[in-house]
Amino acid sequence: NTENMIIDFAKKMTAKGIKPEVECFDKGMIDTAIRLNRKGIIPSPM
């Protein structure tokens, strides 16, 4: 799951009004989600 893949998946889900469940197997994945949330790519509340 590269960063570009995550961005692409998130944009396609949110464009359809689908709520992403952010799956995290480690702490760094949380940090990635938070960074993308701050950029508006993953909507709040997560």
ModelCIF file with pLDDT and N, C-alpha, C, O atoms, coordinates in Angstrom:
data_MODEL
#
_entry.id   MODEL 
#
_entity.id                         1 
_entity.type                       polymer 
_entity.pdbx_number_of_molecules   1 
#
_entity_poly.entity_id                      1 
_entity_poly.type                           'polypeptide(L)' 
_entity_poly.nstd_linkage                   no 
_entity_poly.nstd_monomer                   no 
_entity_poly.pdbx_seq_one_letter_code       NTENMIIDFAKKMTAKGIKPEVECFDKGMIDTAIRLNRKGIIPSPM 
_entity_poly.pdbx_seq_one_letter_code_can   NTENMIIDFAKKMTAKGIKPEVECFDKGMIDTAIRLNRKGIIPSPM 
_entity_poly.pdbx_strand_id                 A 
#
loop_
_entity_poly_seq.entity_id 
_entity_poly_seq.num 
_entity_poly_seq.mon_id 
_entity_poly_seq.hetero 
1 1  ASN n 
1 2  THR n 
1 3  GLU n 
1 4  ASN n 
1 5  MET n 
1 6  ILE n 
1 7  ILE n 
1 8  ASP n 
1 9  PHE n 
1 10 ALA n 
1 11 LYS n 
1 12 LYS n 
1 13 MET n 
1 14 THR n 
1 15 ALA n 
1 16 LYS n 
1 17 GLY n 
1 18 ILE n 
1 19 LYS n 
1 20 PRO n 
1 21 GLU n 
1 22 VAL n 
1 23 GLU n 
1 24 CYS n 
1 25 PHE n 
1 26 ASP n 
1 27 LYS n 
1 28 GLY n 
1 29 MET n 
1 30 ILE n 
1 31 ASP n 
1 32 THR n 
1 33 ALA n 
1 34 ILE n 
1 35 ARG n 
1 36 LEU n 
1 37 ASN n 
1 38 ARG n 
1 39 LYS n 
1 40 GLY n 
1 41 ILE n 
1 42 ILE n 
1 43 PRO n 
1 44 SER n 
1 45 PRO n 
1 46 MET n 
#
_struct_asym.id          A 
_struct_asym.entity_id   1 
#
loop_
_ma_qa_metric.id 
_ma_qa_metric.mode 
_ma_qa_metric.name 
_ma_qa_metric.software_group_id 
_ma_qa_metric.type 
1 global pLDDT . pLDDT 
2 local  pLDDT . pLDDT 
#
_ma_qa_metric_global.metric_id      1 
_ma_qa_metric_global.metric_value   97.57 
_ma_qa_metric_global.model_id       1 
_ma_qa_metric_global.ordinal_id     1 
#
loop_
_ma_qa_metric_local.label_asym_id 
_ma_qa_metric_local.label_comp_id 
_ma_qa_metric_local.label_seq_id 
_ma_qa_metric_local.metric_id 
_ma_qa_metric_local.metric_value 
_ma_qa_metric_local.model_id 
_ma_qa_metric_local.ordinal_id 
A ASN 1  2 96.00 1 1  
A THR 2  2 97.00 1 2  
A GLU 3  2 97.00 1 3  
A ASN 4  2 98.00 1 4  
A MET 5  2 97.00 1 5  
A ILE 6  2 98.00 1 6  
A ILE 7  2 98.00 1 7  
A ASP 8  2 98.00 1 8  
A PHE 9  2 98.00 1 9  
A ALA 10 2 98.00 1 10 
A LYS 11 2 98.00 1 11 
A LYS 12 2 98.00 1 12 
A MET 13 2 98.00 1 13 
A THR 14 2 96.00 1 14 
A ALA 15 2 97.00 1 15 
A LYS 16 2 97.00 1 16 
A GLY 17 2 96.00 1 17 
A ILE 18 2 97.00 1 18 
A LYS 19 2 98.00 1 19 
A PRO 20 2 98.00 1 20 
A GLU 21 2 98.00 1 21 
A VAL 22 2 98.00 1 22 
A GLU 23 2 98.00 1 23 
A CYS 24 2 98.00 1 24 
A PHE 25 2 97.00 1 25 
A ASP 26 2 97.00 1 26 
A LYS 27 2 97.00 1 27 
A GLY 28 2 97.00 1 28 
A MET 29 2 98.00 1 29 
A ILE 30 2 98.00 1 30 
A ASP 31 2 98.00 1 31 
A THR 32 2 98.00 1 32 
A ALA 33 2 98.00 1 33 
A ILE 34 2 98.00 1 34 
A ARG 35 2 98.00 1 35 
A LEU 36 2 98.00 1 36 
A ASN 37 2 98.00 1 37 
A ARG 38 2 98.00 1 38 
A LYS 39 2 98.00 1 39 
A GLY 40 2 97.00 1 40 
A ILE 41 2 98.00 1 41 
A ILE 42 2 98.00 1 42 
A PRO 43 2 97.00 1 43 
A SER 44 2 97.00 1 44 
A PRO 45 2 97.00 1 45 
A MET 46 2 98.00 1 46 
#
loop_
_atom_site.group_PDB 
_atom_site.id 
_atom_site.type_symbol 
_atom_site.label_atom_id 
_atom_site.label_alt_id 
_atom_site.label_comp_id 
_atom_site.label_asym_id 
_atom_site.label_entity_id 
_atom_site.label_seq_id 
_atom_site.pdbx_PDB_ins_code 
_atom_site.Cartn_x 
_atom_site.Cartn_y 
_atom_site.Cartn_z 
_atom_site.occupancy 
_atom_site.B_iso_or_equiv 
_atom_site.pdbx_formal_charge 
_atom_site.auth_seq_id 
_atom_site.auth_comp_id 
_atom_site.auth_asym_id 
_atom_site.auth_atom_id 
_atom_site.pdbx_PDB_model_num 
ATOM 1   N N  . ASN A 1 1  ? 0.865   -1.184 0.000  1.00 96.00 ? 1  ASN A N  1 
ATOM 2   C CA . ASN A 1 1  ? 0.000   0.000  0.000  1.00 96.00 ? 1  ASN A CA 1 
ATOM 3   C C  . ASN A 1 1  ? 0.901   1.233  0.000  1.00 96.00 ? 1  ASN A C  1 
ATOM 4   O O  . ASN A 1 1  ? 1.231   1.769  1.058  1.00 96.00 ? 1  ASN A O  1 
ATOM 5   N N  . THR A 1 2  ? 1.295   1.679  -1.192 1.00 97.00 ? 2  THR A N  1 
ATOM 6   C CA . THR A 1 2  ? 2.146   2.857  -1.279 1.00 97.00 ? 2  THR A CA 1 
ATOM 7   C C  . THR A 1 2  ? 1.327   4.105  -0.949 1.00 97.00 ? 2  THR A C  1 
ATOM 8   O O  . THR A 1 2  ? 0.096   4.062  -0.937 1.00 97.00 ? 2  THR A O  1 
ATOM 9   N N  . GLU A 1 3  ? 2.014   5.209  -0.683 1.00 97.00 ? 3  GLU A N  1 
ATOM 10  C CA . GLU A 1 3  ? 1.285   6.440  -0.371 1.00 97.00 ? 3  GLU A CA 1 
ATOM 11  C C  . GLU A 1 3  ? 0.377   6.850  -1.526 1.00 97.00 ? 3  GLU A C  1 
ATOM 12  O O  . GLU A 1 3  ? -0.757  7.272  -1.299 1.00 97.00 ? 3  GLU A O  1 
ATOM 13  N N  . ASN A 1 4  ? 0.861   6.732  -2.755 1.00 98.00 ? 4  ASN A N  1 
ATOM 14  C CA . ASN A 1 4  ? 0.018   7.105  -3.896 1.00 98.00 ? 4  ASN A CA 1 
ATOM 15  C C  . ASN A 1 4  ? -1.207  6.200  -4.011 1.00 98.00 ? 4  ASN A C  1 
ATOM 16  O O  . ASN A 1 4  ? -2.287  6.664  -4.378 1.00 98.00 ? 4  ASN A O  1 
ATOM 17  N N  . MET A 1 5  ? -1.048  4.920  -3.701 1.00 97.00 ? 5  MET A N  1 
ATOM 18  C CA . MET A 1 5  ? -2.194  4.012  -3.698 1.00 97.00 ? 5  MET A CA 1 
ATOM 19  C C  . MET A 1 5  ? -3.206  4.433  -2.643 1.00 97.00 ? 5  MET A C  1 
ATOM 20  O O  . MET A 1 5  ? -4.407  4.475  -2.908 1.00 97.00 ? 5  MET A O  1 
ATOM 21  N N  . ILE A 1 6  ? -2.721  4.743  -1.449 1.00 98.00 ? 6  ILE A N  1 
ATOM 22  C CA . ILE A 1 6  ? -3.612  5.140  -0.360 1.00 98.00 ? 6  ILE A CA 1 
ATOM 23  C C  . ILE A 1 6  ? -4.389  6.394  -0.753 1.00 98.00 ? 6  ILE A C  1 
ATOM 24  O O  . ILE A 1 6  ? -5.598  6.479  -0.533 1.00 98.00 ? 6  ILE A O  1 
ATOM 25  N N  . ILE A 1 7  ? -3.694  7.356  -1.329 1.00 98.00 ? 7  ILE A N  1 
ATOM 26  C CA . ILE A 1 7  ? -4.337  8.602  -1.769 1.00 98.00 ? 7  ILE A CA 1 
ATOM 27  C C  . ILE A 1 7  ? -5.397  8.318  -2.826 1.00 98.00 ? 7  ILE A C  1 
ATOM 28  O O  . ILE A 1 7  ? -6.508  8.845  -2.764 1.00 98.00 ? 7  ILE A O  1 
ATOM 29  N N  . ASP A 1 8  ? -5.044  7.480  -3.797 1.00 98.00 ? 8  ASP A N  1 
ATOM 30  C CA . ASP A 1 8  ? -5.979  7.147  -4.876 1.00 98.00 ? 8  ASP A CA 1 
ATOM 31  C C  . ASP A 1 8  ? -7.220  6.441  -4.324 1.00 98.00 ? 8  ASP A C  1 
ATOM 32  O O  . ASP A 1 8  ? -8.344  6.790  -4.685 1.00 98.00 ? 8  ASP A O  1 
ATOM 33  N N  . PHE A 1 9  ? -7.019  5.450  -3.449 1.00 98.00 ? 9  PHE A N  1 
ATOM 34  C CA . PHE A 1 9  ? -8.144  4.718  -2.861 1.00 98.00 ? 9  PHE A CA 1 
ATOM 35  C C  . PHE A 1 9  ? -9.029  5.670  -2.055 1.00 98.00 ? 9  PHE A C  1 
ATOM 36  O O  . PHE A 1 9  ? -10.255 5.625  -2.158 1.00 98.00 ? 9  PHE A O  1 
ATOM 37  N N  . ALA A 1 10 ? -8.395  6.535  -1.248 1.00 98.00 ? 10 ALA A N  1 
ATOM 38  C CA . ALA A 1 10 ? -9.159  7.445  -0.384 1.00 98.00 ? 10 ALA A CA 1 
ATOM 39  C C  . ALA A 1 10 ? -9.982  8.424  -1.209 1.00 98.00 ? 10 ALA A C  1 
ATOM 40  O O  . ALA A 1 10 ? -11.144 8.679  -0.892 1.00 98.00 ? 10 ALA A O  1 
ATOM 41  N N  . LYS A 1 11 ? -9.396  8.965  -2.250 1.00 98.00 ? 11 LYS A N  1 
ATOM 42  C CA . LYS A 1 11 ? -10.109 9.933  -3.089 1.00 98.00 ? 11 LYS A CA 1 
ATOM 43  C C  . LYS A 1 11 ? -11.300 9.284  -3.776 1.00 98.00 ? 11 LYS A C  1 
ATOM 44  O O  . LYS A 1 11 ? -12.372 9.882  -3.863 1.00 98.00 ? 11 LYS A O  1 
ATOM 45  N N  . LYS A 1 12 ? -11.118 8.076  -4.257 1.00 98.00 ? 12 LYS A N  1 
ATOM 46  C CA . LYS A 1 12 ? -12.210 7.388  -4.944 1.00 98.00 ? 12 LYS A CA 1 
ATOM 47  C C  . LYS A 1 12 ? -13.338 7.019  -3.985 1.00 98.00 ? 12 LYS A C  1 
ATOM 48  O O  . LYS A 1 12 ? -14.512 7.076  -4.353 1.00 98.00 ? 12 LYS A O  1 
ATOM 49  N N  . MET A 1 13 ? -12.987 6.642  -2.766 1.00 98.00 ? 13 MET A N  1 
ATOM 50  C CA . MET A 1 13 ? -14.021 6.336  -1.773 1.00 98.00 ? 13 MET A CA 1 
ATOM 51  C C  . MET A 1 13 ? -14.799 7.586  -1.388 1.00 98.00 ? 13 MET A C  1 
ATOM 52  O O  . MET A 1 13 ? -16.030 7.588  -1.395 1.00 98.00 ? 13 MET A O  1 
ATOM 53  N N  . THR A 1 14 ? -14.077 8.643  -1.055 1.00 96.00 ? 14 THR A N  1 
ATOM 54  C CA . THR A 1 14 ? -14.758 9.844  -0.567 1.00 96.00 ? 14 THR A CA 1 
ATOM 55  C C  . THR A 1 14 ? -15.572 10.513 -1.673 1.00 96.00 ? 14 THR A C  1 
ATOM 56  O O  . THR A 1 14 ? -16.586 11.151 -1.390 1.00 96.00 ? 14 THR A O  1 
ATOM 57  N N  . ALA A 1 15 ? -15.142 10.378 -2.922 1.00 97.00 ? 15 ALA A N  1 
ATOM 58  C CA . ALA A 1 15 ? -15.920 10.932 -4.037 1.00 97.00 ? 15 ALA A CA 1 
ATOM 59  C C  . ALA A 1 15 ? -17.286 10.264 -4.134 1.00 97.00 ? 15 ALA A C  1 
ATOM 60  O O  . ALA A 1 15 ? -18.243 10.865 -4.623 1.00 97.00 ? 15 ALA A O  1 
ATOM 61  N N  . LYS A 1 16 ? -17.373 9.035  -3.674 1.00 97.00 ? 16 LYS A N  1 
ATOM 62  C CA . LYS A 1 16 ? -18.632 8.294  -3.693 1.00 97.00 ? 16 LYS A CA 1 
ATOM 63  C C  . LYS A 1 16 ? -19.380 8.376  -2.364 1.00 97.00 ? 16 LYS A C  1 
ATOM 64  O O  . LYS A 1 16 ? -20.443 7.774  -2.211 1.00 97.00 ? 16 LYS A O  1 
ATOM 65  N N  . GLY A 1 17 ? -18.830 9.117  -1.407 1.00 96.00 ? 17 GLY A N  1 
ATOM 66  C CA . GLY A 1 17 ? -19.478 9.213  -0.107 1.00 96.00 ? 17 GLY A CA 1 
ATOM 67  C C  . GLY A 1 17 ? -19.336 7.970  0.741  1.00 96.00 ? 17 GLY A C  1 
ATOM 68  O O  . GLY A 1 17 ? -20.136 7.737  1.647  1.00 96.00 ? 17 GLY A O  1 
ATOM 69  N N  . ILE A 1 18 ? -18.317 7.164  0.453  1.00 97.00 ? 18 ILE A N  1 
ATOM 70  C CA . ILE A 1 18 ? -18.050 5.939  1.208  1.00 97.00 ? 18 ILE A CA 1 
ATOM 71  C C  . ILE A 1 18 ? -17.111 6.284  2.365  1.00 97.00 ? 18 ILE A C  1 
ATOM 72  O O  . ILE A 1 18 ? -16.052 6.869  2.141  1.00 97.00 ? 18 ILE A O  1 
ATOM 73  N N  . LYS A 1 19 ? -17.477 5.937  3.576  1.00 98.00 ? 19 LYS A N  1 
ATOM 74  C CA . LYS A 1 19 ? -16.607 6.225  4.724  1.00 98.00 ? 19 LYS A CA 1 
ATOM 75  C C  . LYS A 1 19 ? -15.463 5.221  4.774  1.00 98.00 ? 19 LYS A C  1 
ATOM 76  O O  . LYS A 1 19 ? -15.707 4.016  4.849  1.00 98.00 ? 19 LYS A O  1 
ATOM 77  N N  . PRO A 1 20 ? -14.214 5.695  4.735  1.00 98.00 ? 20 PRO A N  1 
ATOM 78  C CA . PRO A 1 20 ? -13.101 4.756  4.866  1.00 98.00 ? 20 PRO A CA 1 
ATOM 79  C C  . PRO A 1 20 ? -12.941 4.293  6.313  1.00 98.00 ? 20 PRO A C  1 
ATOM 80  O O  . PRO A 1 20 ? -12.994 5.102  7.239  1.00 98.00 ? 20 PRO A O  1 
ATOM 81  N N  . GLU A 1 21 ? -12.747 3.007  6.499  1.00 98.00 ? 21 GLU A N  1 
ATOM 82  C CA . GLU A 1 21 ? -12.258 2.523  7.785  1.00 98.00 ? 21 GLU A CA 1 
ATOM 83  C C  . GLU A 1 21 ? -10.744 2.422  7.642  1.00 98.00 ? 21 GLU A C  1 
ATOM 84  O O  . GLU A 1 21 ? -10.238 1.620  6.858  1.00 98.00 ? 21 GLU A O  1 
ATOM 85  N N  . VAL A 1 22 ? -10.034 3.233  8.396  1.00 98.00 ? 22 VAL A N  1 
ATOM 86  C CA . VAL A 1 22 ? -8.584  3.346  8.258  1.00 98.00 ? 22 VAL A CA 1 
ATOM 87  C C  . VAL A 1 22 ? -7.925  2.168  8.974  1.00 98.00 ? 22 VAL A C  1 
ATOM 88  O O  . VAL A 1 22 ? -7.864  2.140  10.203 1.00 98.00 ? 22 VAL A O  1 
ATOM 89  N N  . GLU A 1 23 ? -7.432  1.195  8.202  1.00 98.00 ? 23 GLU A N  1 
ATOM 90  C CA . GLU A 1 23 ? -6.825  0.005  8.788  1.00 98.00 ? 23 GLU A CA 1 
ATOM 91  C C  . GLU A 1 23 ? -5.344  0.251  9.030  1.00 98.00 ? 23 GLU A C  1 
ATOM 92  O O  . GLU A 1 23 ? -4.607  0.629  8.119  1.00 98.00 ? 23 GLU A O  1 
ATOM 93  N N  . CYS A 1 24 ? -4.920  0.032  10.267 1.00 98.00 ? 24 CYS A N  1 
ATOM 94  C CA . CYS A 1 24 ? -3.540  0.298  10.659 1.00 98.00 ? 24 CYS A CA 1 
ATOM 95  C C  . CYS A 1 24 ? -2.956  -0.926 11.345 1.00 98.00 ? 24 CYS A C  1 
ATOM 96  O O  . CYS A 1 24 ? -3.500  -1.425 12.330 1.00 98.00 ? 24 CYS A O  1 
ATOM 97  N N  . PHE A 1 25 ? -1.840  -1.397 10.807 1.00 97.00 ? 25 PHE A N  1 
ATOM 98  C CA . PHE A 1 25 ? -1.134  -2.536 11.370 1.00 97.00 ? 25 PHE A CA 1 
ATOM 99  C C  . PHE A 1 25 ? 0.052   -2.091 12.212 1.00 97.00 ? 25 PHE A C  1 
ATOM 100 O O  . PHE A 1 25 ? 0.713   -2.913 12.847 1.00 97.00 ? 25 PHE A O  1 
ATOM 101 N N  . ASP A 1 26 ? 0.324   -0.775 12.216 1.00 97.00 ? 26 ASP A N  1 
ATOM 102 C CA . ASP A 1 26 ? 1.451   -0.243 12.969 1.00 97.00 ? 26 ASP A CA 1 
ATOM 103 C C  . ASP A 1 26 ? 1.264   1.259  13.151 1.00 97.00 ? 26 ASP A C  1 
ATOM 104 O O  . ASP A 1 26 ? 0.414   1.867  12.500 1.00 97.00 ? 26 ASP A O  1 
ATOM 105 N N  . LYS A 1 27 ? 2.062   1.859  14.041 1.00 97.00 ? 27 LYS A N  1 
ATOM 106 C CA . LYS A 1 27 ? 1.920   3.277  14.374 1.00 97.00 ? 27 LYS A CA 1 
ATOM 107 C C  . LYS A 1 27 ? 2.163   4.175  13.170 1.00 97.00 ? 27 LYS A C  1 
ATOM 108 O O  . LYS A 1 27 ? 1.476   5.186  13.021 1.00 97.00 ? 27 LYS A O  1 
ATOM 109 N N  . GLY A 1 28 ? 3.119   3.842  12.306 1.00 97.00 ? 28 GLY A N  1 
ATOM 110 C CA . GLY A 1 28 ? 3.405   4.679  11.145 1.00 97.00 ? 28 GLY A CA 1 
ATOM 111 C C  . GLY A 1 28 ? 2.215   4.825  10.214 1.00 97.00 ? 28 GLY A C  1 
ATOM 112 O O  . GLY A 1 28 ? 2.092   5.828  9.511  1.00 97.00 ? 28 GLY A O  1 
ATOM 113 N N  . MET A 1 29 ? 1.337   3.831  10.204 1.00 98.00 ? 29 MET A N  1 
ATOM 114 C CA . MET A 1 29 ? 0.146   3.904  9.358  1.00 98.00 ? 29 MET A CA 1 
ATOM 115 C C  . MET A 1 29 ? -0.840  4.932  9.911  1.00 98.00 ? 29 MET A C  1 
ATOM 116 O O  . MET A 1 29 ? -1.533  5.605  9.148  1.00 98.00 ? 29 MET A O  1 
ATOM 117 N N  . ILE A 1 30 ? -0.899  5.050  11.230 1.00 98.00 ? 30 ILE A N  1 
ATOM 118 C CA . ILE A 1 30 ? -1.708  6.109  11.834 1.00 98.00 ? 30 ILE A CA 1 
ATOM 119 C C  . ILE A 1 30 ? -1.178  7.472  11.404 1.00 98.00 ? 30 ILE A C  1 
ATOM 120 O O  . ILE A 1 30 ? -1.949  8.364  11.050 1.00 98.00 ? 30 ILE A O  1 
ATOM 121 N N  . ASP A 1 31 ? 0.139   7.627  11.437 1.00 98.00 ? 31 ASP A N  1 
ATOM 122 C CA . ASP A 1 31 ? 0.750   8.906  11.059 1.00 98.00 ? 31 ASP A CA 1 
ATOM 123 C C  . ASP A 1 31 ? 0.453   9.258  9.605  1.00 98.00 ? 31 ASP A C  1 
ATOM 124 O O  . ASP A 1 31 ? 0.214   10.418 9.271  1.00 98.00 ? 31 ASP A O  1 
ATOM 125 N N  . THR A 1 32 ? 0.473   8.238  8.742  1.00 98.00 ? 32 THR A N  1 
ATOM 126 C CA . THR A 1 32 ? 0.125   8.467  7.333  1.00 98.00 ? 32 THR A CA 1 
ATOM 127 C C  . THR A 1 32 ? -1.311  8.955  7.214  1.00 98.00 ? 32 THR A C  1 
ATOM 128 O O  . THR A 1 32 ? -1.586  9.912  6.490  1.00 98.00 ? 32 THR A O  1 
ATOM 129 N N  . ALA A 1 33 ? -2.227  8.304  7.921  1.00 98.00 ? 33 ALA A N  1 
ATOM 130 C CA . ALA A 1 33 ? -3.638  8.709  7.863  1.00 98.00 ? 33 ALA A CA 1 
ATOM 131 C C  . ALA A 1 33 ? -3.828  10.128 8.375  1.00 98.00 ? 33 ALA A C  1 
ATOM 132 O O  . ALA A 1 33 ? -4.588  10.901 7.793  1.00 98.00 ? 33 ALA A O  1 
ATOM 133 N N  . ILE A 1 34 ? -3.149  10.474 9.453  1.00 98.00 ? 34 ILE A N  1 
ATOM 134 C CA . ILE A 1 34 ? -3.272  11.825 9.998  1.00 98.00 ? 34 ILE A CA 1 
ATOM 135 C C  . ILE A 1 34 ? -2.746  12.854 9.006  1.00 98.00 ? 34 ILE A C  1 
ATOM 136 O O  . ILE A 1 34 ? -3.350  13.911 8.824  1.00 98.00 ? 34 ILE A O  1 
ATOM 137 N N  . ARG A 1 35 ? -1.639  12.553 8.377  1.00 98.00 ? 35 ARG A N  1 
ATOM 138 C CA . ARG A 1 35 ? -1.078  13.477 7.381  1.00 98.00 ? 35 ARG A CA 1 
ATOM 139 C C  . ARG A 1 35 ? -2.047  13.679 6.214  1.00 98.00 ? 35 ARG A C  1 
ATOM 140 O O  . ARG A 1 35 ? -2.242  14.801 5.748  1.00 98.00 ? 35 ARG A O  1 
ATOM 141 N N  . LEU A 1 36 ? -2.645  12.596 5.752  1.00 98.00 ? 36 LEU A N  1 
ATOM 142 C CA . LEU A 1 36 ? -3.583  12.707 4.634  1.00 98.00 ? 36 LEU A CA 1 
ATOM 143 C C  . LEU A 1 36 ? -4.886  13.377 5.063  1.00 98.00 ? 36 LEU A C  1 
ATOM 144 O O  . LEU A 1 36 ? -5.535  14.058 4.269  1.00 98.00 ? 36 LEU A O  1 
ATOM 145 N N  . ASN A 1 37 ? -5.256  13.179 6.311  1.00 98.00 ? 37 ASN A N  1 
ATOM 146 C CA . ASN A 1 37 ? -6.429  13.873 6.855  1.00 98.00 ? 37 ASN A CA 1 
ATOM 147 C C  . ASN A 1 37 ? -6.196  15.386 6.873  1.00 98.00 ? 37 ASN A C  1 
ATOM 148 O O  . ASN A 1 37 ? -7.087  16.159 6.520  1.00 98.00 ? 37 ASN A O  1 
ATOM 149 N N  . ARG A 1 38 ? -5.016  15.797 7.278  1.00 98.00 ? 38 ARG A N  1 
ATOM 150 C CA . ARG A 1 38 ? -4.696  17.226 7.319  1.00 98.00 ? 38 ARG A CA 1 
ATOM 151 C C  . ARG A 1 38 ? -4.694  17.848 5.920  1.00 98.00 ? 38 ARG A C  1 
ATOM 152 O O  . ARG A 1 38 ? -4.935  19.045 5.760  1.00 98.00 ? 38 ARG A O  1 
ATOM 153 N N  . LYS A 1 39 ? -4.421  17.025 4.919  1.00 98.00 ? 39 LYS A N  1 
ATOM 154 C CA . LYS A 1 39 ? -4.440  17.501 3.532  1.00 98.00 ? 39 LYS A CA 1 
ATOM 155 C C  . LYS A 1 39 ? -5.837  17.443 2.924  1.00 98.00 ? 39 LYS A C  1 
ATOM 156 O O  . LYS A 1 39 ? -6.038  17.856 1.783  1.00 98.00 ? 39 LYS A O  1 
ATOM 157 N N  . GLY A 1 40 ? -6.806  16.928 3.687  1.00 97.00 ? 40 GLY A N  1 
ATOM 158 C CA . GLY A 1 40 ? -8.173  16.840 3.197  1.00 97.00 ? 40 GLY A CA 1 
ATOM 159 C C  . GLY A 1 40 ? -8.464  15.619 2.353  1.00 97.00 ? 40 GLY A C  1 
ATOM 160 O O  . GLY A 1 40 ? -9.522  15.530 1.731  1.00 97.00 ? 40 GLY A O  1 
ATOM 161 N N  . ILE A 1 41 ? -7.539  14.679 2.324  1.00 98.00 ? 41 ILE A N  1 
ATOM 162 C CA . ILE A 1 41 ? -7.708  13.487 1.480  1.00 98.00 ? 41 ILE A CA 1 
ATOM 163 C C  . ILE A 1 41 ? -8.544  12.427 2.189  1.00 98.00 ? 41 ILE A C  1 
ATOM 164 O O  . ILE A 1 41 ? -9.383  11.780 1.562  1.00 98.00 ? 41 ILE A O  1 
ATOM 165 N N  . ILE A 1 42 ? -8.324  12.243 3.485  1.00 98.00 ? 42 ILE A N  1 
ATOM 166 C CA . ILE A 1 42 ? -9.181  11.380 4.309  1.00 98.00 ? 42 ILE A CA 1 
ATOM 167 C C  . ILE A 1 42 ? -10.019 12.306 5.182  1.00 98.00 ? 42 ILE A C  1 
ATOM 168 O O  . ILE A 1 42 ? -9.466  13.083 5.960  1.00 98.00 ? 42 ILE A O  1 
ATOM 169 N N  . PRO A 1 43 ? -11.333 12.238 5.068  1.00 97.00 ? 43 PRO A N  1 
ATOM 170 C CA . PRO A 1 43 ? -12.175 13.199 5.799  1.00 97.00 ? 43 PRO A CA 1 
ATOM 171 C C  . PRO A 1 43 ? -12.257 12.913 7.298  1.00 97.00 ? 43 PRO A C  1 
ATOM 172 O O  . PRO A 1 43 ? -12.028 11.791 7.750  1.00 97.00 ? 43 PRO A O  1 
ATOM 173 N N  . SER A 1 44 ? -12.586 13.947 8.043  1.00 97.00 ? 44 SER A N  1 
ATOM 174 C CA . SER A 1 44 ? -12.864 13.822 9.482  1.00 97.00 ? 44 SER A CA 1 
ATOM 175 C C  . SER A 1 44 ? -14.368 13.636 9.686  1.00 97.00 ? 44 SER A C  1 
ATOM 176 O O  . SER A 1 44 ? -15.172 14.050 8.850  1.00 97.00 ? 44 SER A O  1 
ATOM 177 N N  . PRO A 1 45 ? -14.741 13.007 10.812 1.00 97.00 ? 45 PRO A N  1 
ATOM 178 C CA . PRO A 1 45 ? -13.880 12.304 11.767 1.00 97.00 ? 45 PRO A CA 1 
ATOM 179 C C  . PRO A 1 45 ? -13.469 10.943 11.216 1.00 97.00 ? 45 PRO A C  1 
ATOM 180 O O  . PRO A 1 45 ? -14.253 10.279 10.538 1.00 97.00 ? 45 PRO A O  1 
ATOM 181 N N  . MET A 1 46 ? -12.260 10.540 11.504 1.00 98.00 ? 46 MET A N  1 
ATOM 182 C CA . MET A 1 46 ? -11.769 9.259  11.002 1.00 98.00 ? 46 MET A CA 1 
ATOM 183 C C  . MET A 1 46 ? -12.203 8.106  11.914 1.00 98.00 ? 46 MET A C  1 
ATOM 184 O O  . MET A 1 46 ? -11.877 6.949  11.645 1.00 98.00 ? 46 MET A O  1 
#
